[in-house]
Amino acid sequence: MSDVEEIAGHGIRARVEGRVVCVGNTKMMDAVGAKWHDCPHCHDEHRVGTVIHVAIDGEYAGHIVINDQVKSDSAEAIAQLQSLGVSKTVMLTGDRREVAEQVAKQLNLSEYHAELLPADKVKMIEQISLHTPHSTRHDTIAFVGDGINDAPVLARADVGIAMGGLGSDAAIEAADVVLMDDKPSKIALAIRIARRTLAIARQNVWFAIGVKVAVLILATFGLATMWMAVFADVGVTVLAVLNAMRALRVS
């Protein structure tokens, strides 16, 4: 095998034992002049998948149907995210529309966009960001991906989440968060931990400031005692540390 060339959005072309072999989508077949035909069985709901066409020296040789398996905890992950208040779950994929539609229904997604190139995914993220009302723009846009094509979107999103087990090096490097066990359900767990940690931090801040301000006001009127000052310093610190230890409990 020699002269291997990857054509973005089309497929792969290579020279195998002196013959030019092209493997890709219908765009590549049209480009090489191969008279391809659709898969008669691929419209069956049990055989929905990505059709990969093959041409040898410009002659159509056949096609292969690949059907990705949805991760076992993907539906659970989407349900948990929705229960946590995630307003919209969107799937961006380069697969055929039929495949995307089936997965979107299976996972109960808000919407889906299929047959996208890497640049198209970035544009979709930007559109989602622009269409978010200014009054709620503090909402965070997170993107989960594992392939090389997902790297630009992972870098563009507010929070990029990559799969550490099967994910590509480019995706892992571009991501902010890496799931080492490739379980999407861990995203909801991470959100719960983050919210719990921030809530405890806010409690400590308001408690510490509140006690110190109260003691300062009492001191202004000559009502504060030495023990009050000690409690406002050492006591508040001890209670804040004890409260912060609650963050060690993961639920």
C-alpha atoms as a PDB file:
ATOM      1  CA  MET A   1       0.000   0.000   0.000  1.00  0.00           C
ATOM      2  CA  SER A   2       1.287   3.459  -0.885  1.00  0.00           C
ATOM      3  CA  ASP A   3       0.179   7.024  -1.633  1.00  0.00           C
ATOM      4  CA  VAL A   4      -2.406   6.987   1.158  1.00  0.00           C
ATOM      5  CA  GLU A   5      -4.404  10.213   1.107  1.00  0.00           C
ATOM      6  CA  GLU A   6      -7.232  11.270   3.400  1.00  0.00           C
ATOM      7  CA  ILE A   7      -9.695  13.619   1.694  1.00  0.00           C
ATOM      8  CA  ALA A   8     -11.694  15.616   4.242  1.00  0.00           C
ATOM      9  CA  GLY A   9     -15.416  15.034   3.967  1.00  0.00           C
ATOM     10  CA  HIS A  10     -14.983  12.351   1.314  1.00  0.00           C
ATOM     11  CA  GLY A  11     -12.887   9.399   2.448  1.00  0.00           C
ATOM     12  CA  ILE A  12      -9.510   7.750   1.838  1.00  0.00           C
ATOM     13  CA  ARG A  13      -7.650   7.043  -1.399  1.00  0.00           C
ATOM     14  CA  ALA A  14      -4.639   4.765  -1.645  1.00  0.00           C
ATOM     15  CA  ARG A  15      -2.684   2.669  -4.128  1.00  0.00           C
ATOM     16  CA  VAL A  16      -2.882  -1.048  -3.282  1.00  0.00           C
ATOM     17  CA  GLU A  17      -0.735  -3.406  -5.365  1.00  0.00           C
ATOM     18  CA  GLY A  18      -0.717  -0.882  -8.194  1.00  0.00           C
ATOM     19  CA  ARG A  19      -4.481  -0.305  -8.183  1.00  0.00           C
ATOM     20  CA  VAL A  20      -6.161   2.900  -6.934  1.00  0.00           C
ATOM     21  CA  VAL A  21      -8.652   2.089  -4.181  1.00  0.00           C
ATOM     22  CA  CYS A  22     -11.103   4.746  -2.947  1.00  0.00           C
ATOM     23  CA  VAL A  23     -13.117   4.198   0.215  1.00  0.00           C
ATOM     24  CA  GLY A  24     -15.606   6.832   1.315  1.00  0.00           C
ATOM     25  CA  ASN A  25     -19.001   8.413   0.788  1.00  0.00           C
ATOM     26  CA  THR A  26     -21.028   9.170  -2.329  1.00  0.00           C
ATOM     27  CA  LYS A  27     -19.119  12.429  -2.885  1.00  0.00           C
ATOM     28  CA  MET A  28     -15.916  10.473  -3.380  1.00  0.00           C
ATOM     29  CA  MET A  29     -17.621   8.019  -5.720  1.00  0.00           C
ATOM     30  CA  ASP A  30     -18.927  10.907  -7.835  1.00  0.00           C
ATOM     31  CA  ALA A  31     -15.464  12.488  -7.846  1.00  0.00           C
ATOM     32  CA  VAL A  32     -13.822   9.349  -9.278  1.00  0.00           C
ATOM     33  CA  GLY A  33     -16.683   8.626 -11.649  1.00  0.00           C
ATOM     34  CA  ALA A  34     -17.800   5.375 -10.015  1.00  0.00           C
ATOM     35  CA  LYS A  35     -21.452   4.514 -10.662  1.00  0.00           C
ATOM     36  CA  TRP A  36     -22.496   3.736  -7.114  1.00  0.00           C
ATOM     37  CA  HIS A  37     -25.909   2.531  -6.001  1.00  0.00           C
ATOM     38  CA  ASP A  38     -27.746   2.816  -2.709  1.00  0.00           C
ATOM     39  CA  CYS A  39     -27.898  -0.050  -0.240  1.00  0.00           C
ATOM     40  CA  PRO A  40     -31.387  -1.635  -0.577  1.00  0.00           C
ATOM     41  CA  HIS A  41     -31.300  -2.993   2.974  1.00  0.00           C
ATOM     42  CA  CYS A  42     -29.936   0.119   4.745  1.00  0.00           C
ATOM     43  CA  HIS A  43     -33.374   1.694   5.092  1.00  0.00           C
ATOM     44  CA  ASP A  44     -34.521  -1.131   7.338  1.00  0.00           C
ATOM     45  CA  GLU A  45     -34.706   0.284  10.876  1.00  0.00           C
ATOM     46  CA  HIS A  46     -32.705  -2.692  12.142  1.00  0.00           C
ATOM     47  CA  ARG A  47     -29.892  -2.037   9.646  1.00  0.00           C
ATOM     48  CA  VAL A  48     -29.576   1.730   9.806  1.00  0.00           C
ATOM     49  CA  GLY A  49     -25.906   2.656   9.612  1.00  0.00           C
ATOM     50  CA  THR A  50     -23.184   4.513   7.787  1.00  0.00           C
ATOM     51  CA  VAL A  51     -22.674   3.280   4.217  1.00  0.00           C
ATOM     52  CA  ILE A  52     -19.039   3.232   3.073  1.00  0.00           C
ATOM     53  CA  HIS A  53     -18.612   2.842  -0.686  1.00  0.00           C
ATOM     54  CA  VAL A  54     -15.573   1.244  -2.317  1.00  0.00           C
ATOM     55  CA  ALA A  55     -14.221   1.850  -5.832  1.00  0.00           C
ATOM     56  CA  ILE A  56     -11.204   0.217  -7.509  1.00  0.00           C
ATOM     57  CA  ASP A  57      -9.611   2.044 -10.440  1.00  0.00           C
ATOM     58  CA  GLY A  58     -12.788   4.084 -10.831  1.00  0.00           C
ATOM     59  CA  GLU A  59     -15.046   0.996 -10.954  1.00  0.00           C
ATOM     60  CA  TYR A  60     -17.648   0.565  -8.213  1.00  0.00           C
ATOM     61  CA  ALA A  61     -16.825  -2.499  -6.105  1.00  0.00           C
ATOM     62  CA  GLY A  62     -19.496  -2.427  -3.396  1.00  0.00           C
ATOM     63  CA  HIS A  63     -20.268  -0.948  -0.008  1.00  0.00           C
ATOM     64  CA  ILE A  64     -19.974  -1.715   3.682  1.00  0.00           C
ATOM     65  CA  VAL A  65     -22.584  -0.756   6.299  1.00  0.00           C
ATOM     66  CA  ILE A  66     -21.232   0.223   9.717  1.00  0.00           C
ATOM     67  CA  ASN A  67     -23.580   0.646  12.662  1.00  0.00           C
ATOM     68  CA  ASP A  68     -22.117   2.219  15.798  1.00  0.00           C
ATOM     69  CA  GLN A  69     -23.370   0.886  19.111  1.00  0.00           C
ATOM     70  CA  VAL A  70     -24.777   3.431  21.550  1.00  0.00           C
ATOM     71  CA  LYS A  71     -22.986   3.259  24.900  1.00  0.00           C
ATOM     72  CA  SER A  72     -24.964   1.375  27.524  1.00  0.00           C
ATOM     73  CA  ASP A  73     -25.226   4.352  29.874  1.00  0.00           C
ATOM     74  CA  SER A  74     -25.841   7.051  27.240  1.00  0.00           C
ATOM     75  CA  ALA A  75     -29.612   7.138  27.769  1.00  0.00           C
ATOM     76  CA  GLU A  76     -29.091   7.289  31.521  1.00  0.00           C
ATOM     77  CA  ALA A  77     -26.566  10.110  31.080  1.00  0.00           C
ATOM     78  CA  ILE A  78     -29.008  12.200  29.001  1.00  0.00           C
ATOM     79  CA  ALA A  79     -31.825  11.598  31.501  1.00  0.00           C
ATOM     80  CA  GLN A  80     -29.598  12.658  34.410  1.00  0.00           C
ATOM     81  CA  LEU A  81     -28.460  15.805  32.615  1.00  0.00           C
ATOM     82  CA  GLN A  82     -32.064  16.766  31.914  1.00  0.00           C
ATOM     83  CA  SER A  83     -32.978  16.173  35.551  1.00  0.00           C
ATOM     84  CA  LEU A  84     -30.122  18.498  36.564  1.00  0.00           C
ATOM     85  CA  GLY A  85     -31.642  21.307  34.513  1.00  0.00           C
ATOM     86  CA  VAL A  86     -29.669  21.033  31.260  1.00  0.00           C
ATOM     87  CA  SER A  87     -32.027  22.902  28.940  1.00  0.00           C
ATOM     88  CA  LYS A  88     -30.939  21.464  25.589  1.00  0.00           C
ATOM     89  CA  THR A  89     -29.155  18.305  24.465  1.00  0.00           C
ATOM     90  CA  VAL A  90     -27.928  18.466  20.858  1.00  0.00           C
ATOM     91  CA  MET A  91     -26.097  15.833  18.813  1.00  0.00           C
ATOM     92  CA  LEU A  92     -23.634  16.968  16.139  1.00  0.00           C
ATOM     93  CA  THR A  93     -22.467  14.137  13.922  1.00  0.00           C
ATOM     94  CA  GLY A  94     -20.950  13.450  10.535  1.00  0.00           C
ATOM     95  CA  ASP A  95     -23.095  10.339  10.086  1.00  0.00           C
ATOM     96  CA  ARG A  96     -26.079  10.069   7.760  1.00  0.00           C
ATOM     97  CA  ARG A  97     -29.321  11.742   8.759  1.00  0.00           C
ATOM     98  CA  GLU A  98     -31.105   8.395   9.149  1.00  0.00           C
ATOM     99  CA  VAL A  99     -28.520   7.210  11.670  1.00  0.00           C
ATOM    100  CA  ALA A 100     -28.621  10.479  13.603  1.00  0.00           C
ATOM    101  CA  GLU A 101     -32.413  10.443  13.706  1.00  0.00           C
ATOM    102  CA  GLN A 102     -32.510   6.929  15.113  1.00  0.00           C
ATOM    103  CA  VAL A 103     -29.950   7.701  17.844  1.00  0.00           C
ATOM    104  CA  ALA A 104     -31.684  10.993  18.725  1.00  0.00           C
ATOM    105  CA  LYS A 105     -34.991   9.180  19.240  1.00  0.00           C
ATOM    106  CA  GLN A 106     -33.328   6.409  21.220  1.00  0.00           C
ATOM    107  CA  LEU A 107     -31.650   8.868  23.604  1.00  0.00           C
ATOM    108  CA  ASN A 108     -34.512  11.415  23.718  1.00  0.00           C
ATOM    109  CA  LEU A 109     -32.313  14.293  22.521  1.00  0.00           C
ATOM    110  CA  SER A 110     -33.656  17.809  22.017  1.00  0.00           C
ATOM    111  CA  GLU A 111     -32.337  18.052  18.456  1.00  0.00           C
ATOM    112  CA  TYR A 112     -29.691  16.674  16.100  1.00  0.00           C
ATOM    113  CA  HIS A 113     -27.628  17.836  13.110  1.00  0.00           C
ATOM    114  CA  ALA A 114     -26.175  15.229  10.754  1.00  0.00           C
ATOM    115  CA  GLU A 115     -23.688  14.975   7.880  1.00  0.00           C
ATOM    116  CA  LEU A 116     -21.448  17.672   9.370  1.00  0.00           C
ATOM    117  CA  LEU A 117     -17.772  18.284   8.677  1.00  0.00           C
ATOM    118  CA  PRO A 118     -15.494  19.421  11.548  1.00  0.00           C
ATOM    119  CA  ALA A 119     -15.886  23.056  10.454  1.00  0.00           C
ATOM    120  CA  ASP A 120     -19.663  22.629  10.329  1.00  0.00           C
ATOM    121  CA  LYS A 121     -19.684  21.436  13.941  1.00  0.00           C
ATOM    122  CA  VAL A 122     -17.830  24.578  15.017  1.00  0.00           C
ATOM    123  CA  LYS A 123     -20.367  26.726  13.151  1.00  0.00           C
ATOM    124  CA  MET A 124     -23.237  24.909  14.852  1.00  0.00           C
ATOM    125  CA  ILE A 125     -21.700  25.547  18.277  1.00  0.00           C
ATOM    126  CA  GLU A 126     -21.371  29.230  17.415  1.00  0.00           C
ATOM    127  CA  GLN A 127     -24.987  29.359  16.235  1.00  0.00           C
ATOM    128  CA  ILE A 128     -26.194  27.734  19.448  1.00  0.00           C
ATOM    129  CA  SER A 129     -24.184  30.294  21.405  1.00  0.00           C
ATOM    130  CA  LEU A 130     -25.570  33.233  19.401  1.00  0.00           C
ATOM    131  CA  HIS A 131     -29.157  32.026  19.619  1.00  0.00           C
ATOM    132  CA  THR A 132     -28.994  31.835  23.407  1.00  0.00           C
ATOM    133  CA  PRO A 133     -30.895  34.820  24.867  1.00  0.00           C
ATOM    134  CA  HIS A 134     -28.610  37.465  26.385  1.00  0.00           C
ATOM    135  CA  SER A 135     -30.506  37.224  29.675  1.00  0.00           C
ATOM    136  CA  THR A 136     -29.420  33.595  30.050  1.00  0.00           C
ATOM    137  CA  ARG A 137     -26.018  33.723  28.327  1.00  0.00           C
ATOM    138  CA  HIS A 138     -24.358  32.752  31.600  1.00  0.00           C
ATOM    139  CA  ASP A 139     -25.391  29.188  30.742  1.00  0.00           C
ATOM    140  CA  THR A 140     -22.446  26.999  29.830  1.00  0.00           C
ATOM    141  CA  ILE A 141     -22.158  25.169  26.505  1.00  0.00           C
ATOM    142  CA  ALA A 142     -20.431  21.813  26.948  1.00  0.00           C
ATOM    143  CA  PHE A 143     -19.408  19.471  24.138  1.00  0.00           C
ATOM    144  CA  VAL A 144     -18.555  15.788  24.473  1.00  0.00           C
ATOM    145  CA  GLY A 145     -16.461  14.078  21.782  1.00  0.00           C
ATOM    146  CA  ASP A 146     -13.736  11.532  21.221  1.00  0.00           C
ATOM    147  CA  GLY A 147     -12.508  11.783  17.618  1.00  0.00           C
ATOM    148  CA  ILE A 148     -10.006  13.899  15.742  1.00  0.00           C
ATOM    149  CA  ASN A 149     -12.902  15.658  14.018  1.00  0.00           C
ATOM    150  CA  ASP A 150     -14.209  16.747  17.423  1.00  0.00           C
ATOM    151  CA  ALA A 151     -11.014  18.529  18.477  1.00  0.00           C
ATOM    152  CA  PRO A 152     -11.938  21.957  17.001  1.00  0.00           C
ATOM    153  CA  VAL A 153     -15.354  21.879  18.687  1.00  0.00           C
ATOM    154  CA  LEU A 154     -13.893  20.753  22.004  1.00  0.00           C
ATOM    155  CA  ALA A 155     -11.603  23.770  21.937  1.00  0.00           C
ATOM    156  CA  ARG A 156     -14.435  26.138  20.922  1.00  0.00           C
ATOM    157  CA  ALA A 157     -17.009  25.060  23.530  1.00  0.00           C
ATOM    158  CA  ASP A 158     -17.100  26.597  27.007  1.00  0.00           C
ATOM    159  CA  VAL A 159     -16.321  23.162  28.431  1.00  0.00           C
ATOM    160  CA  GLY A 160     -14.823  20.437  26.235  1.00  0.00           C
ATOM    161  CA  ILE A 161     -15.192  16.851  27.498  1.00  0.00           C
ATOM    162  CA  ALA A 162     -13.227  14.038  25.838  1.00  0.00           C
ATOM    163  CA  MET A 163     -13.203  10.271  26.271  1.00  0.00           C
ATOM    164  CA  GLY A 164      -9.871   9.189  27.724  1.00  0.00           C
ATOM    165  CA  GLY A 165     -10.041   5.496  26.879  1.00  0.00           C
ATOM    166  CA  LEU A 166     -10.920   5.376  23.190  1.00  0.00           C
ATOM    167  CA  GLY A 167     -10.567   9.078  22.463  1.00  0.00           C
ATOM    168  CA  SER A 168      -7.948  10.391  20.073  1.00  0.00           C
ATOM    169  CA  ASP A 169      -4.890  12.258  21.350  1.00  0.00           C
ATOM    170  CA  ALA A 170      -6.042  15.426  19.562  1.00  0.00           C
ATOM    171  CA  ALA A 171      -9.430  15.341  21.302  1.00  0.00           C
ATOM    172  CA  ILE A 172      -7.884  14.706  24.714  1.00  0.00           C
ATOM    173  CA  GLU A 173      -5.406  17.546  24.278  1.00  0.00           C
ATOM    174  CA  ALA A 174      -8.113  20.015  23.208  1.00  0.00           C
ATOM    175  CA  ALA A 175     -10.544  19.071  25.997  1.00  0.00           C
ATOM    176  CA  ASP A 176     -10.915  20.680  29.413  1.00  0.00           C
ATOM    177  CA  VAL A 177     -12.202  17.489  31.063  1.00  0.00           C
ATOM    178  CA  VAL A 178     -11.297  13.871  30.270  1.00  0.00           C
ATOM    179  CA  LEU A 179     -13.476  10.887  31.234  1.00  0.00           C
ATOM    180  CA  MET A 180     -10.935   8.136  31.790  1.00  0.00           C
ATOM    181  CA  ASP A 181     -13.501   5.303  31.788  1.00  0.00           C
ATOM    182  CA  ASP A 182     -15.481   6.599  28.761  1.00  0.00           C
ATOM    183  CA  LYS A 183     -18.774   6.645  30.703  1.00  0.00           C
ATOM    184  CA  PRO A 184     -21.012   9.582  29.698  1.00  0.00           C
ATOM    185  CA  SER A 185     -22.987   9.212  32.945  1.00  0.00           C
ATOM    186  CA  LYS A 186     -19.940  10.610  34.774  1.00  0.00           C
ATOM    187  CA  ILE A 187     -20.773  14.046  33.277  1.00  0.00           C
ATOM    188  CA  ALA A 188     -23.849  14.346  35.489  1.00  0.00           C
ATOM    189  CA  LEU A 189     -21.777  13.203  38.476  1.00  0.00           C
ATOM    190  CA  ALA A 190     -19.164  15.876  37.728  1.00  0.00           C
ATOM    191  CA  ILE A 191     -21.884  18.542  37.581  1.00  0.00           C
ATOM    192  CA  ARG A 192     -23.304  17.427  40.929  1.00  0.00           C
ATOM    193  CA  ILE A 193     -19.848  17.497  42.539  1.00  0.00           C
ATOM    194  CA  ALA A 194     -19.132  20.949  41.097  1.00  0.00           C
ATOM    195  CA  ARG A 195     -22.455  22.375  42.284  1.00  0.00           C
ATOM    196  CA  ARG A 196     -22.013  20.866  45.741  1.00  0.00           C
ATOM    197  CA  THR A 197     -18.475  22.243  46.016  1.00  0.00           C
ATOM    198  CA  LEU A 198     -19.525  25.747  44.930  1.00  0.00           C
ATOM    199  CA  ALA A 199     -22.469  25.707  47.341  1.00  0.00           C
ATOM    200  CA  ILE A 200     -20.201  24.802  50.258  1.00  0.00           C
ATOM    201  CA  ALA A 201     -17.702  27.496  49.250  1.00  0.00           C
ATOM    202  CA  ARG A 202     -20.466  30.115  49.148  1.00  0.00           C
ATOM    203  CA  GLN A 203     -21.726  28.975  52.566  1.00  0.00           C
ATOM    204  CA  ASN A 204     -18.268  29.407  54.060  1.00  0.00           C
ATOM    205  CA  VAL A 205     -17.801  32.841  52.498  1.00  0.00           C
ATOM    206  CA  TRP A 206     -21.132  34.234  53.692  1.00  0.00           C
ATOM    207  CA  PHE A 207     -20.785  32.637  57.125  1.00  0.00           C
ATOM    208  CA  ALA A 208     -17.269  33.991  57.683  1.00  0.00           C
ATOM    209  CA  ILE A 209     -18.094  37.496  56.444  1.00  0.00           C
ATOM    210  CA  GLY A 210     -21.401  37.571  58.319  1.00  0.00           C
ATOM    211  CA  VAL A 211     -19.881  36.646  61.675  1.00  0.00           C
ATOM    212  CA  LYS A 212     -16.982  39.080  61.314  1.00  0.00           C
ATOM    213  CA  VAL A 213     -19.280  41.944  60.268  1.00  0.00           C
ATOM    214  CA  ALA A 214     -21.573  41.211  63.220  1.00  0.00           C
ATOM    215  CA  VAL A 215     -18.657  41.277  65.663  1.00  0.00           C
ATOM    216  CA  LEU A 216     -17.347  44.522  64.114  1.00  0.00           C
ATOM    217  CA  ILE A 217     -20.763  46.166  64.552  1.00  0.00           C
ATOM    218  CA  LEU A 218     -20.925  45.037  68.181  1.00  0.00           C
ATOM    219  CA  ALA A 219     -17.369  46.328  68.731  1.00  0.00           C
ATOM    220  CA  THR A 220     -18.404  49.720  67.323  1.00  0.00           C
ATOM    221  CA  PHE A 221     -20.989  50.048  70.086  1.00  0.00           C
ATOM    222  CA  GLY A 222     -18.631  48.626  72.708  1.00  0.00           C
ATOM    223  CA  LEU A 223     -20.572  45.389  73.096  1.00  0.00           C
ATOM    224  CA  ALA A 224     -17.989  42.938  71.704  1.00  0.00           C
ATOM    225  CA  THR A 225     -15.960  40.800  74.066  1.00  0.00           C
ATOM    226  CA  MET A 226     -12.614  39.087  73.665  1.00  0.00           C
ATOM    227  CA  TRP A 227     -14.328  35.715  73.298  1.00  0.00           C
ATOM    228  CA  MET A 228     -16.433  37.079  70.446  1.00  0.00           C
ATOM    229  CA  ALA A 229     -13.266  38.200  68.661  1.00  0.00           C
ATOM    230  CA  VAL A 230     -11.678  34.779  69.209  1.00  0.00           C
ATOM    231  CA  PHE A 231     -14.783  33.056  67.821  1.00  0.00           C
ATOM    232  CA  ALA A 232     -14.879  35.417  64.808  1.00  0.00           C
ATOM    233  CA  ASP A 233     -11.287  34.405  64.021  1.00  0.00           C
ATOM    234  CA  VAL A 234     -10.480  30.876  65.189  1.00  0.00           C
ATOM    235  CA  GLY A 235     -14.034  29.618  65.628  1.00  0.00           C
ATOM    236  CA  VAL A 236     -15.136  30.668  62.161  1.00  0.00           C
ATOM    237  CA  THR A 237     -12.050  29.039  60.643  1.00  0.00           C
ATOM    238  CA  VAL A 238     -12.698  25.720  62.390  1.00  0.00           C
ATOM    239  CA  LEU A 239     -16.374  25.692  61.404  1.00  0.00           C
ATOM    240  CA  ALA A 240     -15.532  26.623  57.806  1.00  0.00           C
ATOM    241  CA  VAL A 241     -13.015  23.764  57.563  1.00  0.00           C
ATOM    242  CA  LEU A 242     -15.511  21.295  59.025  1.00  0.00           C
ATOM    243  CA  ASN A 243     -18.150  22.466  56.574  1.00  0.00           C
ATOM    244  CA  ALA A 244     -15.683  22.174  53.673  1.00  0.00           C
ATOM    245  CA  MET A 245     -15.053  18.530  54.605  1.00  0.00           C
ATOM    246  CA  ARG A 246     -18.585  17.796  53.397  1.00  0.00           C
ATOM    247  CA  ALA A 247     -17.216  18.124  49.868  1.00  0.00           C
ATOM    248  CA  LEU A 248     -15.369  14.832  50.410  1.00  0.00           C
ATOM    249  CA  ARG A 249     -18.705  13.022  50.272  1.00  0.00           C
ATOM    250  CA  VAL A 250     -19.510  12.212  46.637  1.00  0.00           C
ATOM    251  CA  SER A 251     -23.141  11.550  45.886  1.00  0.00           C
END
